[in-house]
N, C-alpha and C. Protein backbone atom coordinates (compact mmCIF):
# COMPACT_ATOMS: atom_id res chain seq x y z
N MET A 1 0.76 -1.51 -0.23
CA MET A 1 0.02 -0.05 0.26
C MET A 1 0.84 0.93 -0.26
N TRP A 2 2.09 1.30 1.19
CA TRP A 2 3.05 2.41 1.81
C TRP A 2 3.31 2.65 -0.50
N PHE A 3 3.90 1.47 -1.49
CA PHE A 3 4.42 1.34 -2.72
C PHE A 3 3.65 2.20 -3.55
N PHE A 4 2.33 2.24 -3.88
CA PHE A 4 1.11 3.09 -4.32
C PHE A 4 1.18 4.61 -3.98
N LEU A 5 0.95 4.28 -2.65
CA LEU A 5 1.18 5.71 -2.18
C LEU A 5 1.82 7.09 -2.47
N GLY A 6 3.26 6.07 -2.17
CA GLY A 6 3.93 6.93 -3.08
C GLY A 6 4.15 7.20 -4.21
N LEU A 7 3.85 6.08 -4.59
CA LEU A 7 4.24 6.65 -6.15
C LEU A 7 2.59 8.11 -6.90
N VAL A 8 1.39 7.56 -6.19
CA VAL A 8 0.35 8.34 -6.29
C VAL A 8 0.75 9.75 -6.54
N LEU A 9 1.58 10.38 -5.24
CA LEU A 9 1.53 11.46 -4.68
C LEU A 9 3.10 12.23 -5.24
N LEU A 10 3.75 11.50 -5.69
CA LEU A 10 4.80 11.70 -6.12
C LEU A 10 5.18 11.60 -8.26
N ILE A 11 4.26 11.31 -8.48
CA ILE A 11 4.24 11.07 -10.03
C ILE A 11 4.02 11.98 -10.47
N PRO A 12 2.59 12.85 -10.55
CA PRO A 12 1.77 14.06 -10.49
C PRO A 12 3.19 15.12 -10.11
N LEU A 13 4.12 15.24 -9.26
CA LEU A 13 5.45 16.48 -9.20
C LEU A 13 5.90 16.58 -10.00
N THR A 14 6.63 14.58 -10.34
CA THR A 14 7.63 15.04 -10.96
C THR A 14 7.48 15.07 -12.66
N ASN A 15 6.42 14.42 -12.41
CA ASN A 15 5.83 14.69 -13.91
C ASN A 15 6.90 14.28 -15.57
N PRO A 16 6.92 12.70 -15.95
CA PRO A 16 8.26 12.55 -16.39
C PRO A 16 7.78 13.80 -18.15
N LEU A 17 6.29 13.79 -18.57
CA LEU A 17 6.55 14.11 -19.72
C LEU A 17 6.77 15.81 -19.58
N THR A 18 7.28 16.22 -19.01
CA THR A 18 7.45 18.12 -18.92
C THR A 18 9.19 17.61 -18.96
N SER A 19 9.82 16.16 -18.62
CA SER A 19 11.14 16.41 -18.55
C SER A 19 11.92 16.03 -19.36
N VAL A 20 10.65 15.09 -20.52
CA VAL A 20 11.26 14.61 -21.97
C VAL A 20 11.10 16.24 -22.93
N ALA A 21 10.21 16.51 -22.66
CA ALA A 21 9.40 18.19 -23.76
C ALA A 21 11.38 19.02 -23.53
N LEU A 22 11.93 18.87 -22.41
CA LEU A 22 12.86 19.47 -21.61
C LEU A 22 14.08 18.70 -22.19
N PHE A 23 14.23 17.92 -21.81
CA PHE A 23 15.17 17.22 -22.87
C PHE A 23 14.85 17.08 -24.33
N LEU A 24 14.17 16.94 -25.25
CA LEU A 24 14.28 17.21 -26.66
C LEU A 24 14.44 18.60 -27.19
N SER A 25 14.08 19.74 -25.95
CA SER A 25 15.41 20.73 -26.22
C SER A 25 16.44 21.73 -26.26
N LEU A 26 17.14 20.73 -24.93
CA LEU A 26 18.01 20.71 -25.33
C LEU A 26 19.22 19.79 -25.38
N SER A 27 18.49 18.83 -25.84
CA SER A 27 19.92 17.25 -26.51
C SER A 27 19.43 17.02 -28.21
N GLY A 28 18.72 18.78 -28.86
CA GLY A 28 19.13 18.54 -30.49
C GLY A 28 20.04 18.30 -30.97
N ASP A 29 21.68 18.99 -30.39
CA ASP A 29 22.38 19.38 -31.14
C ASP A 29 23.80 17.59 -30.25
N MET A 30 23.23 16.84 -29.73
CA MET A 30 24.22 16.13 -29.38
C MET A 30 23.40 14.44 -30.11
N SER A 31 24.81 13.97 -30.05
CA SER A 31 24.94 12.26 -30.51
C SER A 31 23.67 11.75 -29.79
N LEU A 32 23.20 10.31 -30.54
CA LEU A 32 22.47 9.65 -30.37
C LEU A 32 23.05 8.67 -28.70
N GLU A 33 24.50 8.22 -28.62
CA GLU A 33 24.93 7.45 -27.92
C GLU A 33 24.95 9.05 -26.61
N GLU A 34 25.06 10.38 -26.57
CA GLU A 34 25.66 11.02 -25.53
C GLU A 34 24.31 11.09 -24.87
N ARG A 35 22.86 11.01 -26.00
CA ARG A 35 22.17 11.63 -25.18
C ARG A 35 21.36 10.00 -24.79
N HIS A 36 21.66 8.61 -24.46
CA HIS A 36 21.27 7.77 -23.92
C HIS A 36 21.93 7.84 -22.75
N ARG A 37 23.40 8.55 -22.81
CA ARG A 37 24.14 8.74 -21.99
C ARG A 37 24.21 9.60 -20.44
N GLN A 38 23.37 10.52 -20.87
CA GLN A 38 22.28 11.71 -19.97
C GLN A 38 21.34 11.59 -19.48
N SER A 39 20.60 10.20 -20.48
CA SER A 39 18.84 9.46 -19.77
C SER A 39 19.49 8.75 -18.56
N LYS A 40 20.17 8.10 -18.64
CA LYS A 40 20.79 6.92 -17.63
C LYS A 40 20.92 7.58 -16.34
N MET A 41 22.19 8.99 -16.76
CA MET A 41 22.65 9.39 -15.55
C MET A 41 21.60 10.32 -15.15
N ALA A 42 20.19 10.27 -15.62
CA ALA A 42 19.42 11.50 -15.09
C ALA A 42 18.15 10.64 -14.17
N SER A 43 18.42 9.57 -15.00
CA SER A 43 17.10 8.40 -13.57
C SER A 43 18.40 8.59 -12.38
N ILE A 44 19.58 7.72 -12.30
CA ILE A 44 20.68 8.11 -11.37
C ILE A 44 20.55 8.71 -10.53
N TYR A 45 19.99 10.09 -11.49
CA TYR A 45 20.42 11.02 -10.00
C TYR A 45 18.99 11.32 -9.63
N VAL A 46 17.94 10.99 -9.87
CA VAL A 46 16.54 11.17 -9.37
C VAL A 46 16.78 10.43 -8.73
N PHE A 47 17.22 9.44 -8.71
CA PHE A 47 16.97 7.94 -7.57
C PHE A 47 17.14 8.64 -6.69
N MET A 48 19.20 9.32 -6.73
CA MET A 48 19.98 9.59 -5.24
C MET A 48 19.22 10.88 -4.60
N ILE A 49 19.32 11.77 -5.45
CA ILE A 49 17.91 13.01 -4.50
C ILE A 49 16.72 13.07 -3.90
N LEU A 50 16.05 12.17 -4.53
CA LEU A 50 14.83 10.90 -3.67
C LEU A 50 15.43 10.21 -2.22
N VAL A 51 16.08 9.46 -2.84
CA VAL A 51 16.30 8.26 -1.41
C VAL A 51 17.09 9.58 -0.12
N LEU A 52 18.00 10.57 -0.84
CA LEU A 52 18.70 11.65 0.14
C LEU A 52 18.29 12.41 0.89
N SER A 53 17.27 13.24 0.03
CA SER A 53 15.68 13.59 0.48
C SER A 53 15.43 13.57 1.49
N PHE A 54 14.95 11.83 1.37
CA PHE A 54 14.37 11.05 2.38
C PHE A 54 15.31 10.55 3.80
N VAL A 55 16.37 10.51 3.42
CA VAL A 55 17.07 10.03 4.25
C VAL A 55 18.05 11.16 5.17
N GLY A 56 18.71 12.26 4.61
CA GLY A 56 19.00 13.03 5.26
C GLY A 56 18.09 14.81 5.01
N GLY A 57 17.53 15.06 4.24
CA GLY A 57 16.94 16.09 3.79
C GLY A 57 16.50 17.00 4.84
N GLU A 58 15.73 16.44 6.10
CA GLU A 58 15.37 16.89 6.69
C GLU A 58 16.27 17.78 8.07
N VAL A 59 17.67 16.57 8.18
CA VAL A 59 18.95 17.19 9.00
C VAL A 59 19.69 18.28 8.17
N VAL A 60 20.04 18.18 6.82
CA VAL A 60 20.88 19.06 6.04
C VAL A 60 19.88 20.26 6.42
N MET A 61 18.54 20.68 6.23
CA MET A 61 17.91 21.74 5.86
C MET A 61 17.94 22.44 7.39
N ASN A 62 17.44 21.60 8.30
CA ASN A 62 17.56 22.01 9.91
C ASN A 62 19.01 22.63 9.79
N THR A 63 19.95 22.11 9.08
CA THR A 63 21.13 22.62 9.93
C THR A 63 21.56 23.81 8.97
N PHE A 64 21.77 23.87 8.14
CA PHE A 64 21.89 25.58 7.01
C PHE A 64 20.83 26.51 7.21
N GLY A 65 18.97 25.69 7.80
CA GLY A 65 18.22 26.56 8.55
C GLY A 65 17.86 27.32 7.51
N ILE A 66 17.42 26.46 6.46
CA ILE A 66 16.84 26.13 4.98
C ILE A 66 15.46 26.06 5.30
N SER A 67 14.35 26.68 5.30
CA SER A 67 13.01 25.98 5.32
C SER A 67 12.84 25.77 4.45
N ILE A 68 10.88 25.04 3.90
CA ILE A 68 10.67 24.41 2.63
C ILE A 68 9.81 25.96 1.86
N PRO A 69 9.32 27.05 2.47
CA PRO A 69 9.51 28.02 1.47
C PRO A 69 11.09 28.75 0.92
N GLY A 70 11.83 28.18 1.66
CA GLY A 70 13.43 28.89 0.75
C GLY A 70 13.53 28.49 0.22
N LEU A 71 13.21 26.70 -0.13
CA LEU A 71 13.67 25.87 -0.75
C LEU A 71 12.72 25.99 -1.71
N ARG A 72 11.39 25.99 -1.99
CA ARG A 72 10.21 26.88 -3.19
C ARG A 72 10.99 27.80 -4.62
N ILE A 73 10.93 29.39 -3.00
CA ILE A 73 11.81 29.94 -4.33
C ILE A 73 13.49 30.15 -4.79
N ALA A 74 13.81 29.39 -3.91
CA ALA A 74 15.31 28.63 -4.57
C ALA A 74 14.86 27.73 -5.62
N GLY A 75 14.00 26.89 -6.13
CA GLY A 75 14.42 26.05 -6.96
C GLY A 75 13.44 26.67 -8.14
N GLY A 76 11.87 27.97 -7.98
CA GLY A 76 11.14 28.74 -8.82
C GLY A 76 12.74 30.03 -9.10
N LEU A 77 13.56 30.10 -8.81
CA LEU A 77 13.84 31.22 -9.36
C LEU A 77 15.10 30.82 -10.23
N ILE A 78 15.74 29.02 -10.15
CA ILE A 78 16.65 27.99 -10.82
C ILE A 78 15.56 27.92 -12.26
N VAL A 79 14.53 27.06 -11.87
CA VAL A 79 13.68 26.81 -13.35
C VAL A 79 13.15 28.02 -13.86
N ALA A 80 13.08 29.60 -13.28
CA ALA A 80 12.49 30.14 -14.27
C ALA A 80 14.56 30.86 -14.60
N TYR A 81 15.57 30.93 -14.45
CA TYR A 81 17.09 30.83 -14.77
C TYR A 81 16.59 30.24 -16.48
N ILE A 82 16.57 28.65 -16.09
CA ILE A 82 16.61 27.78 -17.26
C ILE A 82 15.68 28.26 -17.76
N GLY A 83 14.23 28.42 -18.25
CA GLY A 83 13.15 29.02 -18.99
C GLY A 83 13.54 30.05 -19.29
N PHE A 84 14.11 31.45 -18.98
CA PHE A 84 14.98 32.40 -19.92
C PHE A 84 16.02 31.72 -21.15
N ARG A 85 17.04 31.76 -20.30
CA ARG A 85 17.52 30.54 -21.10
C ARG A 85 16.98 29.76 -22.73
N MET A 86 15.91 28.54 -21.87
CA MET A 86 15.46 28.74 -23.92
C MET A 86 14.40 29.21 -24.35
N LEU A 87 13.90 30.03 -23.49
CA LEU A 87 13.30 30.78 -24.22
C LEU A 87 14.27 32.58 -25.40
N PHE A 88 15.01 32.91 -24.60
CA PHE A 88 16.17 33.83 -25.32
C PHE A 88 17.43 33.22 -25.16
N PRO A 89 18.26 32.00 -26.28
CA PRO A 89 19.56 31.36 -26.13
C PRO A 89 20.45 32.76 -26.47
N ASP A 90 21.33 32.53 -26.41
CA ASP A 90 22.83 33.51 -26.96
C ASP A 90 22.73 32.86 -28.42
N PRO A 91 23.01 33.39 -29.21
CA PRO A 91 23.04 33.12 -30.60
C PRO A 91 24.63 32.28 -30.51
N ALA A 92 25.85 32.94 -29.79
CA ALA A 92 27.47 32.43 -30.04
C ALA A 92 27.01 30.79 -29.28
N ALA A 93 26.21 30.83 -28.89
CA ALA A 93 26.37 29.30 -28.23
C ALA A 93 25.11 28.74 -29.05
N VAL A 94 24.55 28.73 -29.83
CA VAL A 94 23.84 27.74 -30.19
C VAL A 94 24.22 27.23 -31.84
N GLN A 95 25.62 28.73 -33.00
CA GLN A 95 25.64 28.44 -33.93
C GLN A 95 27.73 28.12 -33.66
N ALA A 96 27.40 27.31 -34.02
CA ALA A 96 29.33 26.60 -34.22
C ALA A 96 30.25 27.86 -34.62
N GLU A 97 30.94 27.57 -33.89
CA GLU A 97 31.63 28.56 -34.60
C GLU A 97 33.17 28.72 -35.29
N THR A 98 33.85 29.36 -36.48
CA THR A 98 34.34 28.92 -37.54
C THR A 98 35.90 29.32 -37.35
N GLN A 99 36.76 28.70 -37.87
CA GLN A 99 38.13 29.39 -37.59
C GLN A 99 39.35 28.70 -38.81
N LYS A 100 39.55 29.86 -39.10
CA LYS A 100 40.55 29.83 -40.72
C LYS A 100 41.64 29.40 -40.82
N THR A 101 41.55 28.31 -40.58
CA THR A 101 43.76 28.08 -40.99
C THR A 101 43.65 28.06 -42.27
N GLY A 102 44.90 28.73 -42.30
CA GLY A 102 45.38 28.42 -43.36
C GLY A 102 44.20 29.67 -45.16
N ASP A 103 43.37 28.11 -45.97
CA ASP A 103 42.21 28.51 -46.57
C ASP A 103 41.01 27.83 -46.31
N GLU A 104 41.27 26.97 -45.66
CA GLU A 104 40.10 25.93 -45.56
C GLU A 104 39.85 26.47 -43.54
N PRO A 105 39.06 26.92 -44.12
CA PRO A 105 37.72 27.00 -42.30
C PRO A 105 37.43 25.77 -41.61
N LYS A 106 38.06 25.50 -40.42
CA LYS A 106 37.53 24.63 -39.52
C LYS A 106 36.85 24.58 -38.47
N VAL A 107 35.73 23.77 -38.75
CA VAL A 107 34.43 24.34 -37.70
C VAL A 107 34.82 23.43 -36.06
N ILE A 108 34.79 24.32 -35.30
CA ILE A 108 34.36 23.94 -33.52
C ILE A 108 33.14 23.87 -33.47
N LYS A 109 33.10 22.52 -32.76
CA LYS A 109 32.23 21.96 -32.31
C LYS A 109 31.24 22.36 -31.42
N PRO A 110 30.76 22.71 -30.62
CA PRO A 110 30.02 22.85 -29.26
C PRO A 110 30.50 21.87 -28.46
N VAL A 111 30.64 22.78 -26.98
CA VAL A 111 31.55 21.16 -25.91
C VAL A 111 30.37 20.64 -25.93
N SER A 112 30.75 19.79 -25.45
CA SER A 112 29.31 18.95 -24.79
C SER A 112 28.72 19.25 -23.31
N ARG A 113 28.37 19.68 -23.37
CA ARG A 113 27.31 19.59 -22.02
C ARG A 113 26.84 18.97 -21.53
N ASN A 114 27.05 19.15 -19.99
CA ASN A 114 25.98 17.96 -19.44
C ASN A 114 24.86 18.02 -18.29
N ILE A 115 23.69 17.47 -18.86
CA ILE A 115 22.21 18.13 -18.62
C ILE A 115 21.95 17.61 -18.60
N ALA A 116 22.40 16.63 -17.11
CA ALA A 116 21.64 15.20 -16.66
C ALA A 116 21.28 16.01 -15.23
N PHE A 117 22.08 16.04 -14.35
CA PHE A 117 21.86 17.08 -13.11
C PHE A 117 20.62 17.96 -13.05
N VAL A 118 21.09 18.92 -13.54
CA VAL A 118 20.73 20.58 -13.68
C VAL A 118 20.62 20.60 -15.25
N PRO A 119 19.18 20.27 -15.72
CA PRO A 119 18.31 20.81 -15.34
C PRO A 119 17.32 19.15 -15.56
N LEU A 120 17.60 18.54 -16.30
CA LEU A 120 16.87 17.29 -16.14
C LEU A 120 16.03 16.56 -14.27
N ALA A 121 16.94 15.90 -13.86
CA ALA A 121 16.90 15.42 -12.62
C ALA A 121 16.64 16.34 -11.33
N MET A 122 17.40 17.32 -11.31
CA MET A 122 16.86 18.53 -10.58
C MET A 122 16.95 19.82 -11.18
N PRO A 123 15.36 21.01 -11.09
CA PRO A 123 14.96 21.29 -10.97
C PRO A 123 13.89 20.02 -11.58
N SER A 124 13.79 19.73 -13.05
CA SER A 124 12.95 19.35 -13.65
C SER A 124 11.75 17.86 -12.75
N THR A 125 12.92 17.11 -12.88
CA THR A 125 11.79 15.68 -12.15
C THR A 125 11.81 15.86 -10.30
N ALA A 126 13.22 15.91 -10.38
CA ALA A 126 13.12 15.60 -8.87
C ALA A 126 12.82 18.23 -7.93
N GLY A 127 12.42 17.86 -8.74
CA GLY A 127 12.42 19.46 -8.19
C GLY A 127 11.60 20.04 -7.30
N PRO A 128 11.52 21.00 -5.92
CA PRO A 128 11.48 21.78 -5.30
C PRO A 128 10.43 21.33 -4.36
N GLY A 129 8.85 21.13 -4.76
CA GLY A 129 7.61 20.09 -4.11
C GLY A 129 7.94 19.31 -4.74
N THR A 130 8.82 17.90 -5.47
CA THR A 130 8.43 17.42 -4.86
C THR A 130 9.82 16.52 -4.02
N ILE A 131 11.36 17.70 -3.69
CA ILE A 131 11.81 17.13 -2.53
C ILE A 131 10.98 17.96 -1.25
N ALA A 132 10.14 18.81 -1.24
CA ALA A 132 9.61 18.87 0.04
C ALA A 132 8.64 18.31 0.18
N MET A 133 7.62 17.55 -1.22
CA MET A 133 7.30 16.74 -0.34
C MET A 133 7.91 14.88 0.56
N VAL A 134 9.03 15.42 0.11
CA VAL A 134 9.48 13.71 0.25
C VAL A 134 10.21 14.05 1.64
N ILE A 135 10.12 15.35 1.62
CA ILE A 135 11.47 15.83 3.31
C ILE A 135 9.87 15.97 4.03
N SER A 136 8.58 16.13 3.52
CA SER A 136 7.98 16.06 4.68
C SER A 136 7.55 15.30 5.39
N GLY A 137 7.67 13.83 3.66
CA GLY A 137 6.35 12.62 4.50
C GLY A 137 7.84 11.84 5.34
N ALA A 138 9.07 11.95 5.35
CA ALA A 138 9.85 11.88 6.68
C ALA A 138 9.77 12.64 8.10
N SER A 139 9.45 14.03 7.58
CA SER A 139 9.61 14.41 8.68
C SER A 139 7.89 13.67 10.14
N SER A 140 6.52 13.00 8.89
CA SER A 140 5.86 12.90 9.97
C SER A 140 6.50 11.60 10.07
N TRP A 141 6.74 10.38 9.09
CA TRP A 141 6.88 9.42 9.52
C TRP A 141 8.17 9.18 11.19
N HIS A 142 8.71 11.16 11.18
CA HIS A 142 9.64 10.43 12.19
C HIS A 142 8.83 10.61 13.18
N GLN A 143 8.15 10.98 13.32
CA GLN A 143 6.88 11.96 14.82
C GLN A 143 6.26 10.98 14.83
N SER A 144 5.52 10.14 13.87
CA SER A 144 4.56 9.20 14.51
C SER A 144 5.25 8.02 14.71
N GLY A 145 6.72 7.84 13.84
CA GLY A 145 7.16 6.03 14.16
C GLY A 145 6.39 4.84 13.31
N ALA A 146 5.45 5.41 12.63
CA ALA A 146 4.55 4.48 11.75
C ALA A 146 4.32 4.62 10.11
N PRO A 147 5.51 3.89 8.95
CA PRO A 147 5.14 2.49 9.67
C PRO A 147 6.91 2.26 10.44
N SER A 148 6.55 0.68 10.10
CA SER A 148 8.63 0.48 10.46
C SER A 148 9.61 0.13 9.84
N PRO A 149 10.76 0.77 10.09
CA PRO A 149 11.52 1.69 9.36
C PRO A 149 12.15 0.93 8.79
N TRP A 150 11.49 -0.47 8.39
CA TRP A 150 11.54 -1.27 7.60
C TRP A 150 10.82 -1.74 5.98
N ILE A 151 9.57 -0.78 6.63
CA ILE A 151 8.36 -0.54 5.77
C ILE A 151 9.36 0.51 4.42
N ALA A 152 9.23 1.95 5.97
CA ALA A 152 9.35 3.14 5.26
C ALA A 152 10.64 3.20 3.97
N TYR A 153 11.70 2.57 4.34
CA TYR A 153 12.83 2.59 3.83
C TYR A 153 12.60 1.46 2.22
N THR A 154 12.40 0.09 2.54
CA THR A 154 11.78 -0.40 1.10
C THR A 154 10.56 0.74 0.11
N ALA A 155 9.70 1.03 0.91
CA ALA A 155 8.76 1.87 -0.05
C ALA A 155 10.03 3.25 -0.63
N LEU A 156 10.18 3.68 0.17
CA LEU A 156 11.04 4.83 -0.79
C LEU A 156 11.60 4.28 -1.56
N ILE A 157 12.64 3.35 -1.67
CA ILE A 157 13.46 3.21 -2.29
C ILE A 157 13.07 1.76 -4.06
N VAL A 158 11.60 1.00 -3.47
CA VAL A 158 11.13 1.08 -4.31
C VAL A 158 10.63 1.92 -5.59
N THR A 159 9.99 3.22 -4.80
CA THR A 159 9.09 4.13 -5.55
C THR A 159 10.16 4.93 -6.01
N SER A 160 11.20 5.28 -5.51
CA SER A 160 12.27 6.27 -6.27
C SER A 160 12.97 5.51 -7.13
N LEU A 161 13.05 3.82 -7.35
CA LEU A 161 13.14 2.79 -8.32
C LEU A 161 12.24 3.14 -9.19
N ILE A 162 11.28 3.13 -9.12
CA ILE A 162 9.95 2.91 -9.97
C ILE A 162 9.85 4.56 -11.47
N LEU A 163 10.36 5.43 -9.85
CA LEU A 163 10.00 6.74 -11.02
C LEU A 163 11.63 6.90 -11.97
N SER A 164 12.76 6.33 -11.24
CA SER A 164 14.07 6.41 -12.34
C SER A 164 13.39 5.79 -13.52
N LEU A 165 12.95 4.78 -13.54
CA LEU A 165 13.07 4.21 -15.07
C LEU A 165 11.67 4.23 -15.86
N VAL A 166 10.82 5.23 -14.71
CA VAL A 166 9.40 6.01 -15.66
C VAL A 166 10.67 6.78 -16.34
N LEU A 167 11.29 7.32 -15.51
CA LEU A 167 12.18 8.83 -16.19
C LEU A 167 12.87 8.18 -17.37
N TRP A 168 13.59 6.63 -17.02
CA TRP A 168 14.94 6.51 -17.77
C TRP A 168 13.73 6.13 -19.17
N ILE A 169 13.26 5.23 -19.21
CA ILE A 169 11.91 4.89 -20.92
C ILE A 169 11.40 5.90 -21.31
N SER A 170 10.91 7.50 -20.52
CA SER A 170 10.18 8.71 -21.37
C SER A 170 11.50 8.85 -22.56
N LEU A 171 12.43 8.95 -21.78
CA LEU A 171 13.37 9.93 -21.98
C LEU A 171 14.23 8.84 -23.12
N ARG A 172 14.35 8.22 -23.08
CA ARG A 172 15.31 7.07 -23.92
C ARG A 172 14.12 7.01 -25.26
N SER A 173 12.64 7.10 -24.73
CA SER A 173 11.85 7.24 -26.19
C SER A 173 11.63 8.57 -27.29
N SER A 174 12.13 9.84 -26.79
CA SER A 174 12.24 10.65 -27.00
C SER A 174 12.87 10.94 -28.08
N ASP A 175 14.08 9.37 -28.70
CA ASP A 175 14.74 9.98 -29.66
C ASP A 175 13.56 9.20 -30.91
N VAL A 176 12.59 8.85 -30.46
CA VAL A 176 11.32 8.06 -32.34
C VAL A 176 10.70 10.06 -32.19
N ILE A 177 10.74 10.49 -31.21
CA ILE A 177 10.21 11.62 -30.99
C ILE A 177 10.48 12.73 -32.22
N MET A 178 11.83 12.67 -31.12
CA MET A 178 13.71 13.62 -32.45
C MET A 178 12.92 13.12 -33.65
N LYS A 179 13.01 12.90 -34.11
CA LYS A 179 12.84 11.75 -35.39
C LYS A 179 11.30 11.93 -36.38
N ALA A 180 10.83 12.30 -35.26
CA ALA A 180 9.58 12.95 -36.43
C ALA A 180 10.31 14.39 -36.11
N ILE A 181 9.67 14.93 -35.19
CA ILE A 181 9.99 16.52 -35.92
C ILE A 181 10.97 17.10 -36.08
N GLY A 182 11.65 16.87 -36.07
CA GLY A 182 12.66 17.74 -36.86
C GLY A 182 13.97 18.19 -35.63
N LYS A 183 14.59 19.33 -36.75
CA LYS A 183 15.44 20.33 -36.14
C LYS A 183 13.86 21.88 -35.49
N GLU A 184 13.47 22.78 -36.75
CA GLU A 184 12.17 23.12 -36.09
C GLU A 184 11.54 23.03 -35.09
N GLY A 185 11.16 21.62 -35.42
CA GLY A 185 10.39 21.60 -34.26
C GLY A 185 11.11 21.65 -32.84
N ILE A 186 12.21 20.45 -32.54
CA ILE A 186 12.71 21.14 -31.33
C ILE A 186 12.98 22.06 -30.78
N GLU A 187 13.29 23.35 -31.99
CA GLU A 187 13.38 25.19 -31.56
C GLU A 187 12.51 25.11 -31.61
N ALA A 188 11.03 24.76 -32.42
CA ALA A 188 9.40 25.34 -31.12
C ALA A 188 9.35 24.70 -29.97
N VAL A 189 9.62 23.64 -29.84
CA VAL A 189 9.11 23.35 -27.79
C VAL A 189 10.74 23.77 -27.45
N SER A 190 11.43 24.15 -28.13
CA SER A 190 11.69 24.38 -27.12
C SER A 190 11.33 25.82 -26.15
N ARG A 191 11.55 27.20 -26.80
CA ARG A 191 10.83 28.18 -27.06
C ARG A 191 9.35 27.87 -25.44
N VAL A 192 8.64 26.65 -26.83
CA VAL A 192 7.17 27.24 -25.51
C VAL A 192 8.26 26.26 -23.81
N MET A 193 8.74 25.55 -24.16
CA MET A 193 9.11 24.87 -22.62
C MET A 193 9.82 25.94 -22.40
N GLY A 194 10.50 26.54 -22.93
CA GLY A 194 11.02 27.88 -21.56
C GLY A 194 10.18 29.04 -21.04
N PHE A 195 9.37 29.00 -21.85
CA PHE A 195 7.90 29.94 -21.50
C PHE A 195 7.11 29.33 -20.80
N LEU A 196 7.24 27.98 -21.09
CA LEU A 196 6.09 26.81 -19.88
C LEU A 196 7.43 27.11 -17.76
N LEU A 197 8.75 26.74 -18.64
CA LEU A 197 9.15 26.83 -17.54
C LEU A 197 9.68 28.21 -16.50
N VAL A 198 9.29 29.26 -17.46
CA VAL A 198 9.47 30.85 -16.16
C VAL A 198 8.13 30.91 -15.85
N CYS A 199 7.25 30.00 -16.90
CA CYS A 199 5.63 29.99 -16.29
C CYS A 199 5.46 29.39 -14.31
N MET A 200 6.17 28.19 -14.85
CA MET A 200 6.18 27.41 -13.90
C MET A 200 7.51 27.86 -12.61
N GLY A 201 8.55 28.44 -12.87
CA GLY A 201 9.35 28.59 -11.99
C GLY A 201 8.75 30.46 -10.93
N VAL A 202 7.85 31.15 -11.67
CA VAL A 202 7.12 32.11 -11.10
C VAL A 202 6.10 31.34 -9.92
N GLN A 203 5.47 30.63 -10.48
CA GLN A 203 4.61 30.07 -9.13
C GLN A 203 5.01 29.22 -8.35
N PHE A 204 6.37 28.28 -8.02
CA PHE A 204 7.31 28.57 -7.86
C PHE A 204 7.02 29.69 -6.66
N VAL A 205 7.32 30.40 -6.73
CA VAL A 205 7.93 31.63 -5.78
C VAL A 205 6.75 31.84 -5.66
N ILE A 206 5.73 32.21 -6.06
CA ILE A 206 4.54 32.26 -5.41
C ILE A 206 4.15 31.85 -4.83
N ASN A 207 4.22 30.49 -4.48
CA ASN A 207 4.20 29.72 -3.77
C ASN A 207 4.12 29.07 -2.69
N GLY A 208 5.72 30.10 -2.53
CA GLY A 208 6.64 30.18 -1.28
C GLY A 208 6.56 31.15 -0.58
N VAL A 209 5.68 32.45 -1.31
CA VAL A 209 5.80 33.60 -0.61
C VAL A 209 4.43 33.25 0.11
N LEU A 210 3.65 32.78 -0.46
CA LEU A 210 2.10 32.78 0.54
C LEU A 210 2.58 31.44 0.94
N GLU A 211 3.63 30.30 1.12
CA GLU A 211 3.31 29.83 2.79
C GLU A 211 4.15 30.23 3.79
N ILE A 212 4.85 31.68 3.33
CA ILE A 212 5.05 31.90 4.21
C ILE A 212 4.38 32.91 5.06
N VAL A 213 3.80 33.66 4.35
CA VAL A 213 2.68 34.66 4.96
C VAL A 213 1.83 33.72 5.55
N ARG A 214 1.35 32.46 5.00
CA ARG A 214 0.51 31.78 6.07
C ARG A 214 1.26 31.47 7.34
N THR A 215 2.83 31.04 7.62
CA THR A 215 3.20 30.53 8.70
C THR A 215 2.85 31.15 9.31
N TYR A 216 3.68 33.01 8.65
CA TYR A 216 4.02 34.10 10.06
C TYR A 216 2.67 34.83 10.29
N GLN A 217 1.83 35.02 9.36
CA GLN A 217 0.54 35.99 10.28
C GLN A 217 -0.30 35.46 11.13
N PRO A 218 0.25 34.30 11.52
CA PRO A 218 -0.89 34.42 13.05
C PRO A 218 0.36 34.82 13.88
N MET A 219 1.61 35.44 14.38
CA MET A 219 2.74 35.72 14.48
C MET A 219 2.34 37.38 14.61
N LEU A 220 1.80 37.77 14.11
CA LEU A 220 1.93 39.41 13.72
C LEU A 220 0.53 39.77 14.48
N PRO A 221 1.12 40.73 15.41
CA PRO A 221 0.37 41.67 16.93
C PRO A 221 -1.58 42.09 15.59
N HIS A 222 -1.85 41.53 15.44
CA HIS A 222 -3.86 42.20 15.36
C HIS A 222 -3.96 43.54 15.80
């Protein structure tokens, strides 16, 4: 029962389809082998983020004085920044540079970039909402003591593993989508996804601010 509860709560938050659209927009110039490697690493990172958030997320946040609203606002700023970069890409980064050596121009290929951890694993899949949900669940479990530790950790590992596999399968299937829509389609998806990420980032910030207001409003003098 705990496995299904974890999946029901986390799948809408992780939303693998969003990660697929983001992956399509960021991996258009990568080789097939590189895209597969990024897919595998992103799924591994998501598994590690979920497990570490449950095991030590509460301790880390308490140690550094980080609140859930602060986590949401920081994640929102990161998402919005990535969205702006996708919406208004740097022309020098998009086009390959050329350098003349003698009579023949030498094309310098863009340096391969790692998109597996940021932004695919975090904040796209295991974003501030997902991390906040996992940490809140760990906090509630520590306070209540139910279920037993072995059930809680088994449910966590199985749920994280299933979510990571779903993400990996979704990203691997993006090759078919990439071939179908072509380069112009990928560029269009990138612009649309950039706009949606900006909206998501702003909404994360709004949710964090509203949570701060709800938390501290009862403490204000009337």
